[in-house]
Amino acid sequence: MPVMLLVVFCYTLCSLNDKYAVSRCLYDRHELMFLMASGTVVFLGCTLPFYDLSFEWSPRILIPIAGITFIKYTEFAVLPSILREMSPFQLKSWVGLTLFISYFTDVIFYDASLSVLCLTFIAVTFAGLAAAARADRRSTNYKKIWLHLTVYILMKYGYGLVMRSTGSILPNTLTLFFSLIIIAVISFLRIDIRKMLSKPMGRKGALIVLLAKLPNTAGLLGENYTAARSLSNYSFIQPLILVVLFILTLADRRNKLPKLSIIGGAVTVAGIVGFQIVK
């Protein structure tokens, strides 16, 4: 339990940092991509000795690397435009839809059973998202970001699908490590370091964004540790992050939410947490 709560804390911190990088530091997609990829590579590289990374060399290992490189590159590319319009809680709520997509994938391809309770909580979540979207339409331009948001959700789903399908070819940690190196190099060639460091938060902002990859890496380690010991605790990591972000959103006095938005957020949280309990 303590490790699971530490993972929730680390990932919540990273979600808030992503918003900071976009709204306060004003990084564009390539700058954000470079900082996120390079920072994660450095800290993830330090953890490699703690993993079992044995694999058999063959050209097939390029398949997961190419897939995850495309997915993470696309995910990083659309993230800034989404976070300029959305709060971390809103984004995490929508990303919760990947739980349902994965559920239907298991039903169709892996012979999982279809549950009425699961379908009920899916409907509850959609109702909450619809209510929140209606209440937030003045502050969040969904017409502007709907395509990027859809792509982001699909990339999150695709990430899990590729990792699940190719883990026997190359360890997932190495797949992510090599993919992020490629993304860091590509994005570095597209940015002007001096211009990036001259943005509002300057060197301090870049350092904060980079250092936030440390708790991200700690979260990865803790997530793997939790999954190896308790699948029930592991399954609650993402819902708990959503709950924490919702509480932080309510506590933010600078951005007072409409009542319908609060109700929609609460219903969304209830739907996702309930789905995870009965799944």
Foldseek 3Di string as FASTA:
>chain_A
DVLLVLLLVLVLLLLQLLLCCCPPLVDALLLLLLLLLVLLLVQLVVCVVVDDWDADDDPVLVVLLVQLLVLSSLLSNLSNVQSVQDHSLLLLLLLLCLVVVVVVCCVVPVVDDDDPQLVVLVVLLVVLNVLLCVQCVVRGVCVVRVVSSVSNSVSSNSLVVSQVVCCNHGNPSVSSSSSSVVSNVVSVVVDDVVVSQPGRVHPVSSVVSSCSSNSVSSSVVSLVVCVVPPVLSSLCSSLVSSVVSLVVVCVPPVDHGDPSNNVSSVSSSCSSVSSSVVD
